[in-house]
């Protein structure tokens, strides 16, 4: 009878998740043999099934050929024409937002500004006290027009 102490040690390390890939391949090769001791036979299914599972996950040549054919097919490219209005649409939206903000700001400012007639009545003045332009302003306008008239004739009045 052969001593399988090394295989048993490897199995213990395998259950503790401490084996390397080489040690796991040693276990797989050992359990792939026809002559496995009876006390280790329950573990054979695990290592043989793992090896067979790896074989089954490999894709066949038919799959590769089908993928290559699909990749080589020319898919029609659909060109999309974008009109000028569609290109400028984001700018139109931004301009509309700015116009709305400015309009709302102007309306808020107008609503918050005190009205001149209301302020005059609140201070005790009536709106009838407003009398057009001041007398001094109208006199200066006449003087300026006289000065301008003499300057046009070439005579300067001081």
Protein backbone atom coordinates (compact mmCIF):
# COMPACT_ATOMS: atom_id res chain seq x y z
CA UNK A 1 0.00 0.00 0.00
CA UNK A 2 1.27 3.40 -1.03
CA UNK A 3 1.57 6.39 1.31
CA UNK A 4 -0.76 9.21 0.24
CA UNK A 5 0.25 11.56 3.04
CA UNK A 6 1.31 14.36 0.64
CA UNK A 7 -2.05 14.26 -1.18
CA UNK A 8 -3.89 14.33 2.14
CA UNK A 9 -1.83 17.37 3.23
CA UNK A 10 -2.64 19.08 -0.05
CA UNK A 11 -6.33 18.33 0.48
CA UNK A 12 -6.23 19.89 3.95
CA UNK A 13 -4.51 22.99 2.57
CA UNK A 14 -7.06 23.05 -0.27
CA UNK A 15 -9.99 23.16 2.21
CA UNK A 16 -8.25 26.04 4.04
CA UNK A 17 -7.79 27.91 0.72
CA UNK A 18 -4.01 27.93 1.03
CA UNK A 19 -2.97 25.93 -2.06
CA UNK A 20 -1.25 27.40 -5.07
CA UNK A 21 -2.36 26.80 -8.63
CA UNK A 22 0.40 24.22 -9.11
CA UNK A 23 -0.71 22.28 -6.03
CA UNK A 24 -4.31 22.32 -7.25
CA UNK A 25 -3.19 20.98 -10.63
CA UNK A 26 -1.31 18.17 -8.79
CA UNK A 27 -4.56 17.27 -7.02
CA UNK A 28 -6.45 17.32 -10.32
CA UNK A 29 -3.88 15.05 -11.98
CA UNK A 30 -3.92 12.67 -9.01
CA UNK A 31 -7.71 12.33 -9.01
CA UNK A 32 -7.80 11.96 -12.81
CA UNK A 33 -5.97 8.60 -12.47
CA UNK A 34 -7.85 5.32 -12.55
CA UNK A 35 -6.30 4.01 -9.33
CA UNK A 36 -7.43 6.27 -6.49
CA UNK A 37 -7.52 4.84 -2.94
CA UNK A 38 -10.98 4.15 -1.53
CA UNK A 39 -10.73 6.65 1.32
CA UNK A 40 -10.01 9.47 -1.21
CA UNK A 41 -12.69 8.50 -3.76
CA UNK A 42 -15.33 10.94 -2.41
CA UNK A 43 -13.05 13.86 -3.37
CA UNK A 44 -12.49 12.58 -6.90
CA UNK A 45 -15.83 13.90 -8.13
CA UNK A 46 -14.89 17.44 -7.11
CA UNK A 47 -11.59 17.60 -8.95
CA UNK A 48 -12.72 15.67 -12.04
CA UNK A 49 -15.90 17.73 -12.34
CA UNK A 50 -13.85 20.93 -12.09
CA UNK A 51 -11.58 19.78 -14.92
CA UNK A 52 -14.55 18.77 -17.10
CA UNK A 53 -16.28 22.05 -16.37
CA UNK A 54 -13.27 23.91 -17.70
CA UNK A 55 -13.47 21.91 -20.91
CA UNK A 56 -17.14 22.71 -21.37
CA UNK A 57 -16.71 26.48 -20.92
CA UNK A 58 -14.39 26.71 -23.93
CA UNK A 59 -16.33 28.02 -26.90
CA UNK A 60 -16.16 26.12 -30.14
CA UNK A 61 -14.87 27.17 -33.54
CA UNK A 62 -18.44 27.63 -34.79
CA UNK A 63 -18.94 30.44 -32.30
CA UNK A 64 -15.76 32.17 -33.45
CA UNK A 65 -16.76 31.83 -37.11
CA UNK A 66 -20.21 33.25 -36.44
CA UNK A 67 -18.76 36.25 -34.60
CA UNK A 68 -16.29 36.92 -37.41
CA UNK A 69 -19.10 36.79 -39.99
CA UNK A 70 -21.17 39.23 -37.94
CA UNK A 71 -18.22 41.58 -37.57
CA UNK A 72 -17.46 41.52 -41.28
CA UNK A 73 -21.02 42.42 -42.32
CA UNK A 74 -21.32 46.01 -43.37
CA UNK A 75 -24.04 47.70 -41.43
CA UNK A 76 -25.60 50.60 -43.29
CA UNK A 77 -24.65 53.95 -41.84
CA UNK A 78 -27.59 56.28 -41.54
CA UNK A 79 -26.64 59.91 -42.00
CA UNK A 80 -28.74 62.40 -40.12
CA UNK A 81 -29.08 65.88 -41.51
CA UNK A 82 -29.41 68.61 -38.94
CA UNK A 83 -31.06 71.83 -40.05
CA UNK A 84 -29.80 75.25 -39.06
CA UNK A 85 -32.75 75.84 -36.75
CA UNK A 86 -31.99 72.56 -34.94
CA UNK A 87 -28.37 73.61 -34.52
CA UNK A 88 -29.34 77.00 -33.15
CA UNK A 89 -32.12 75.69 -30.89
CA UNK A 90 -29.94 75.70 -27.73
CA UNK A 91 -29.04 79.36 -28.37
CA UNK A 92 -32.72 80.25 -28.89
CA UNK A 93 -33.57 78.60 -25.59
CA UNK A 94 -30.78 80.45 -23.80
CA UNK A 95 -31.94 83.77 -25.31
CA UNK A 96 -35.52 83.05 -24.21
CA UNK A 97 -34.39 82.30 -20.67
CA UNK A 98 -32.38 85.54 -20.54
CA UNK A 99 -35.34 87.53 -21.92
CA UNK A 100 -37.64 86.03 -19.29
CA UNK A 101 -35.19 86.82 -16.50
CA UNK A 102 -34.74 90.42 -17.69
CA UNK A 103 -38.50 90.91 -18.03
CA UNK A 104 -39.16 89.54 -14.55
CA UNK A 105 -36.37 91.70 -13.10
CA UNK A 106 -37.74 94.82 -14.77
CA UNK A 107 -41.26 94.05 -13.55
CA UNK A 108 -40.00 93.48 -10.01
CA UNK A 109 -38.03 96.74 -10.08
CA UNK A 110 -41.04 98.69 -11.35
CA UNK A 111 -43.26 97.16 -8.68
CA UNK A 112 -40.79 98.01 -5.92
CA UNK A 113 -40.02 101.60 -7.06
CA UNK A 114 -42.15 104.26 -5.33
CA UNK A 115 -44.51 106.14 -7.65
CA UNK A 116 -43.78 109.94 -7.74
CA UNK A 117 -47.43 110.98 -7.44
CA UNK A 118 -47.97 108.63 -4.50
CA UNK A 119 -44.85 109.93 -2.74
CA UNK A 120 -45.93 113.57 -3.21
CA UNK A 121 -49.38 112.88 -1.75
CA UNK A 122 -47.88 110.96 1.15
CA UNK A 123 -45.66 113.97 2.01
CA UNK A 124 -48.59 116.41 1.96
CA UNK A 125 -48.01 117.95 -1.47
CA UNK A 126 -50.66 117.74 -4.07
CA UNK A 127 -49.96 116.93 -7.66
CA UNK A 128 -51.34 120.36 -8.67
CA UNK A 129 -48.22 122.18 -7.39
CA UNK A 130 -46.25 121.07 -10.40
CA UNK A 131 -46.05 124.00 -12.81
CA UNK A 132 -43.99 123.23 -15.82
CA UNK A 133 -40.45 124.62 -16.26
CA UNK A 134 -38.90 127.10 -13.86
CA UNK A 135 -38.84 130.80 -14.78
CA UNK A 136 -35.06 130.89 -14.51
CA UNK A 137 -34.76 128.08 -17.00
CA UNK A 138 -37.02 129.83 -19.51
CA UNK A 139 -35.07 133.12 -19.15
CA UNK A 140 -31.78 131.42 -19.80
CA UNK A 141 -33.24 129.87 -22.90
CA UNK A 142 -34.19 133.32 -24.24
CA UNK A 143 -30.80 134.77 -23.42
CA UNK A 144 -29.07 131.97 -25.16
CA UNK A 145 -31.20 132.39 -28.24
CA UNK A 146 -30.43 136.15 -28.32
CA UNK A 147 -26.72 135.48 -27.95
CA UNK A 148 -26.87 132.91 -30.67
CA UNK A 149 -28.73 135.31 -32.95
CA UNK A 150 -26.06 138.03 -32.58
CA UNK A 151 -23.28 135.52 -33.01
CA UNK A 152 -24.81 134.54 -36.32
CA UNK A 153 -24.61 138.21 -37.49
CA UNK A 154 -20.96 138.38 -36.48
CA UNK A 155 -21.54 140.67 -33.47
CA UNK A 156 -20.64 139.40 -30.03
CA UNK A 157 -22.55 140.85 -27.10
CA UNK A 158 -21.07 140.69 -23.66
